[in-house]
Amino acid sequence: MDISIFMESFKDNLLHLFGDNLLFLGLQGSYGRGRQRRQAISIL
């Protein structure tokens, strides 16, 4: 799965649930730094 497609959908769902109470949504780790690798993606 393309992480950008997942994150857009995830963001939309969070905004629907929390509305104006959602103040920040960000990525951590290698994706947050822009240094991700395909091999590093694990979906449980």
PDB file of N, CA and C in Angstrom:
ATOM      1  N   MET A   1       0.846  -1.180   0.000  1.00  0.00           N
ATOM      2  CA  MET A   1       0.000   0.000   0.000  1.00  0.00           C
ATOM      3  C   MET A   1       0.890   1.242   0.000  1.00  0.00           C
ATOM      4  N   ASP A   2       0.514   2.219  -0.774  1.00  0.00           N
ATOM      5  CA  ASP A   2       1.221   3.497  -0.813  1.00  0.00           C
ATOM      6  C   ASP A   2       0.915   4.261   0.474  1.00  0.00           C
ATOM      7  N   ILE A   3       1.956   4.614   1.222  1.00  0.00           N
ATOM      8  CA  ILE A   3       1.771   5.283   2.515  1.00  0.00           C
ATOM      9  C   ILE A   3       1.037   6.611   2.374  1.00  0.00           C
ATOM     10  N   SER A   4       1.228   7.326   1.273  1.00  0.00           N
ATOM     11  CA  SER A   4       0.548   8.613   1.111  1.00  0.00           C
ATOM     12  C   SER A   4      -0.958   8.433   0.959  1.00  0.00           C
ATOM     13  N   ILE A   5      -1.386   7.369   0.284  1.00  0.00           N
ATOM     14  CA  ILE A   5      -2.820   7.081   0.141  1.00  0.00           C
ATOM     15  C   ILE A   5      -3.399   6.697   1.501  1.00  0.00           C
ATOM     16  N   PHE A   6      -2.671   5.851   2.238  1.00  0.00           N
ATOM     17  CA  PHE A   6      -3.111   5.451   3.571  1.00  0.00           C
ATOM     18  C   PHE A   6      -3.227   6.663   4.497  1.00  0.00           C
ATOM     19  N   MET A   7      -2.203   7.515   4.504  1.00  0.00           N
ATOM     20  CA  MET A   7      -2.202   8.661   5.403  1.00  0.00           C
ATOM     21  C   MET A   7      -3.321   9.644   5.076  1.00  0.00           C
ATOM     22  N   GLU A   8      -3.609   9.845   3.814  1.00  0.00           N
ATOM     23  CA  GLU A   8      -4.701  10.748   3.429  1.00  0.00           C
ATOM     24  C   GLU A   8      -6.039  10.218   3.947  1.00  0.00           C
ATOM     25  N   SER A   9      -6.264   8.926   3.785  1.00  0.00           N
ATOM     26  CA  SER A   9      -7.491   8.308   4.277  1.00  0.00           C
ATOM     27  C   SER A   9      -7.550   8.345   5.803  1.00  0.00           C
ATOM     28  N   PHE A  10      -6.437   8.053   6.449  1.00  0.00           N
ATOM     29  CA  PHE A  10      -6.351   8.076   7.906  1.00  0.00           C
ATOM     30  C   PHE A  10      -6.643   9.476   8.439  1.00  0.00           C
ATOM     31  N   LYS A  11      -6.042  10.488   7.804  1.00  0.00           N
ATOM     32  CA  LYS A  11      -6.266  11.878   8.196  1.00  0.00           C
ATOM     33  C   LYS A  11      -7.739  12.253   8.056  1.00  0.00           C
ATOM     34  N   ASP A  12      -8.347  11.880   6.937  1.00  0.00           N
ATOM     35  CA  ASP A  12      -9.763  12.189   6.713  1.00  0.00           C
ATOM     36  C   ASP A  12     -10.644  11.558   7.787  1.00  0.00           C
ATOM     37  N   ASN A  13     -10.340  10.312   8.145  1.00  0.00           N
ATOM     38  CA  ASN A  13     -11.117   9.625   9.180  1.00  0.00           C
ATOM     39  C   ASN A  13     -10.933  10.287  10.543  1.00  0.00           C
ATOM     40  N   LEU A  14      -9.701  10.665  10.874  1.00  0.00           N
ATOM     41  CA  LEU A  14      -9.458  11.346  12.151  1.00  0.00           C
ATOM     42  C   LEU A  14     -10.166  12.692  12.202  1.00  0.00           C
ATOM     43  N   LEU A  15     -10.126  13.445  11.107  1.00  0.00           N
ATOM     44  CA  LEU A  15     -10.822  14.730  11.066  1.00  0.00           C
ATOM     45  C   LEU A  15     -12.328  14.556  11.225  1.00  0.00           C
ATOM     46  N   HIS A  16     -12.859  13.499  10.617  1.00  0.00           N
ATOM     47  CA  HIS A  16     -14.290  13.212  10.749  1.00  0.00           C
ATOM     48  C   HIS A  16     -14.636  12.902  12.210  1.00  0.00           C
ATOM     49  N   LEU A  17     -13.791  12.125  12.878  1.00  0.00           N
ATOM     50  CA  LEU A  17     -14.052  11.742  14.261  1.00  0.00           C
ATOM     51  C   LEU A  17     -13.815  12.867  15.258  1.00  0.00           C
ATOM     52  N   PHE A  18     -12.732  13.623  15.089  1.00  0.00           N
ATOM     53  CA  PHE A  18     -12.320  14.586  16.099  1.00  0.00           C
ATOM     54  C   PHE A  18     -12.542  16.047  15.711  1.00  0.00           C
ATOM     55  N   GLY A  19     -12.768  16.319  14.434  1.00  0.00           N
ATOM     56  CA  GLY A  19     -13.036  17.681  13.992  1.00  0.00           C
ATOM     57  C   GLY A  19     -11.960  18.663  14.422  1.00  0.00           C
ATOM     58  N   ASP A  20     -12.389  19.792  14.948  1.00  0.00           N
ATOM     59  CA  ASP A  20     -11.462  20.851  15.361  1.00  0.00           C
ATOM     60  C   ASP A  20     -10.611  20.469  16.576  1.00  0.00           C
ATOM     61  N   ASN A  21     -10.941  19.359  17.229  1.00  0.00           N
ATOM     62  CA  ASN A  21     -10.136  18.913  18.370  1.00  0.00           C
ATOM     63  C   ASN A  21      -8.818  18.279  17.938  1.00  0.00           C
ATOM     64  N   LEU A  22      -8.711  17.920  16.673  1.00  0.00           N
ATOM     65  CA  LEU A  22      -7.458  17.370  16.154  1.00  0.00           C
ATOM     66  C   LEU A  22      -6.527  18.536  15.837  1.00  0.00           C
ATOM     67  N   LEU A  23      -5.429  18.607  16.568  1.00  0.00           N
ATOM     68  CA  LEU A  23      -4.523  19.737  16.416  1.00  0.00           C
ATOM     69  C   LEU A  23      -3.307  19.417  15.561  1.00  0.00           C
ATOM     70  N   PHE A  24      -2.870  18.168  15.531  1.00  0.00           N
ATOM     71  CA  PHE A  24      -1.653  17.823  14.812  1.00  0.00           C
ATOM     72  C   PHE A  24      -1.680  16.353  14.426  1.00  0.00           C
ATOM     73  N   LEU A  25      -1.176  16.057  13.238  1.00  0.00           N
ATOM     74  CA  LEU A  25      -0.990  14.692  12.770  1.00  0.00           C
ATOM     75  C   LEU A  25       0.340  14.659  12.042  1.00  0.00           C
ATOM     76  N   GLY A  26       1.235  13.802  12.474  1.00  0.00           N
ATOM     77  CA  GLY A  26       2.563  13.760  11.856  1.00  0.00           C
ATOM     78  C   GLY A  26       3.116  12.350  11.795  1.00  0.00           C
ATOM     79  N   LEU A  27       4.154  12.196  11.025  1.00  0.00           N
ATOM     80  CA  LEU A  27       4.839  10.915  10.895  1.00  0.00           C
ATOM     81  C   LEU A  27       6.091  10.915  11.759  1.00  0.00           C
ATOM     82  N   GLN A  28       6.405   9.774  12.314  1.00  0.00           N
ATOM     83  CA  GLN A  28       7.596   9.594  13.124  1.00  0.00           C
ATOM     84  C   GLN A  28       8.580   8.685  12.399  1.00  0.00           C
ATOM     85  N   GLY A  29       9.789   8.642  12.875  1.00  0.00           N
ATOM     86  CA  GLY A  29      10.783   7.713  12.351  1.00  0.00           C
ATOM     87  C   GLY A  29      11.252   8.084  10.957  1.00  0.00           C
ATOM     88  N   SER A  30      11.586   7.064  10.174  1.00  0.00           N
ATOM     89  CA  SER A  30      12.168   7.299   8.852  1.00  0.00           C
ATOM     90  C   SER A  30      11.219   8.048   7.923  1.00  0.00           C
ATOM     91  N   TYR A  31       9.914   7.820   8.034  1.00  0.00           N
ATOM     92  CA  TYR A  31       8.963   8.547   7.178  1.00  0.00           C
ATOM     93  C   TYR A  31       8.910  10.020   7.555  1.00  0.00           C
ATOM     94  N   GLY A  32       8.971  10.309   8.831  1.00  0.00           N
ATOM     95  CA  GLY A  32       8.983  11.695   9.275  1.00  0.00           C
ATOM     96  C   GLY A  32      10.220  12.445   8.806  1.00  0.00           C
ATOM     97  N   ARG A  33      11.348  11.726   8.701  1.00  0.00           N
ATOM     98  CA  ARG A  33      12.601  12.333   8.240  1.00  0.00           C
ATOM     99  C   ARG A  33      12.733  12.295   6.721  1.00  0.00           C
ATOM    100  N   GLY A  34      11.821  11.584   6.041  1.00  0.00           N
ATOM    101  CA  GLY A  34      11.905  11.463   4.584  1.00  0.00           C
ATOM    102  C   GLY A  34      12.984  10.496   4.132  1.00  0.00           C
ATOM    103  N   ARG A  35      13.353   9.547   4.998  1.00  0.00           N
ATOM    104  CA  ARG A  35      14.424   8.594   4.674  1.00  0.00           C
ATOM    105  C   ARG A  35      13.903   7.159   4.655  1.00  0.00           C
ATOM    106  N   GLN A  36      12.637   6.980   4.317  1.00  0.00           N
ATOM    107  CA  GLN A  36      12.020   5.666   4.323  1.00  0.00           C
ATOM    108  C   GLN A  36      12.581   4.770   3.216  1.00  0.00           C
ATOM    109  N   ARG A  37      12.509   3.481   3.467  1.00  0.00           N
ATOM    110  CA  ARG A  37      12.878   2.477   2.471  1.00  0.00           C
ATOM    111  C   ARG A  37      11.723   1.505   2.318  1.00  0.00           C
ATOM    112  N   ARG A  38      11.543   1.000   1.149  1.00  0.00           N
ATOM    113  CA  ARG A  38      10.459   0.047   0.905  1.00  0.00           C
ATOM    114  C   ARG A  38      10.576  -1.159   1.828  1.00  0.00           C
ATOM    115  N   GLN A  39      11.783  -1.634   2.076  1.00  0.00           N
ATOM    116  CA  GLN A  39      11.998  -2.806   2.923  1.00  0.00           C
ATOM    117  C   GLN A  39      11.587  -2.573   4.375  1.00  0.00           C
ATOM    118  N   ALA A  40      11.519  -1.305   4.767  1.00  0.00           N
ATOM    119  CA  ALA A  40      11.209  -0.979   6.158  1.00  0.00           C
ATOM    120  C   ALA A  40       9.708  -1.008   6.440  1.00  0.00           C
ATOM    121  N   ILE A  41       8.885  -1.147   5.436  1.00  0.00           N
ATOM    122  CA  ILE A  41       7.434  -1.122   5.621  1.00  0.00           C
ATOM    123  C   ILE A  41       6.967  -2.481   6.090  1.00  0.00           C
ATOM    124  N   SER A  42       6.305  -2.511   7.244  1.00  0.00           N
ATOM    125  CA  SER A  42       5.729  -3.732   7.778  1.00  0.00           C
ATOM    126  C   SER A  42       4.286  -3.457   8.125  1.00  0.00           C
ATOM    127  N   ILE A  43       3.395  -4.285   7.641  1.00  0.00           N
ATOM    128  CA  ILE A  43       1.985  -4.172   7.963  1.00  0.00           C
ATOM    129  C   ILE A  43       1.605  -5.406   8.769  1.00  0.00           C
ATOM    130  N   LEU A  44       1.147  -5.177   9.983  1.00  0.00           N
ATOM    131  CA  LEU A  44       0.771  -6.283  10.872  1.00  0.00           C
ATOM    132  C   LEU A  44      -0.667  -6.640  10.696  1.00  0.00           C
TER     133      LEU A  44
END
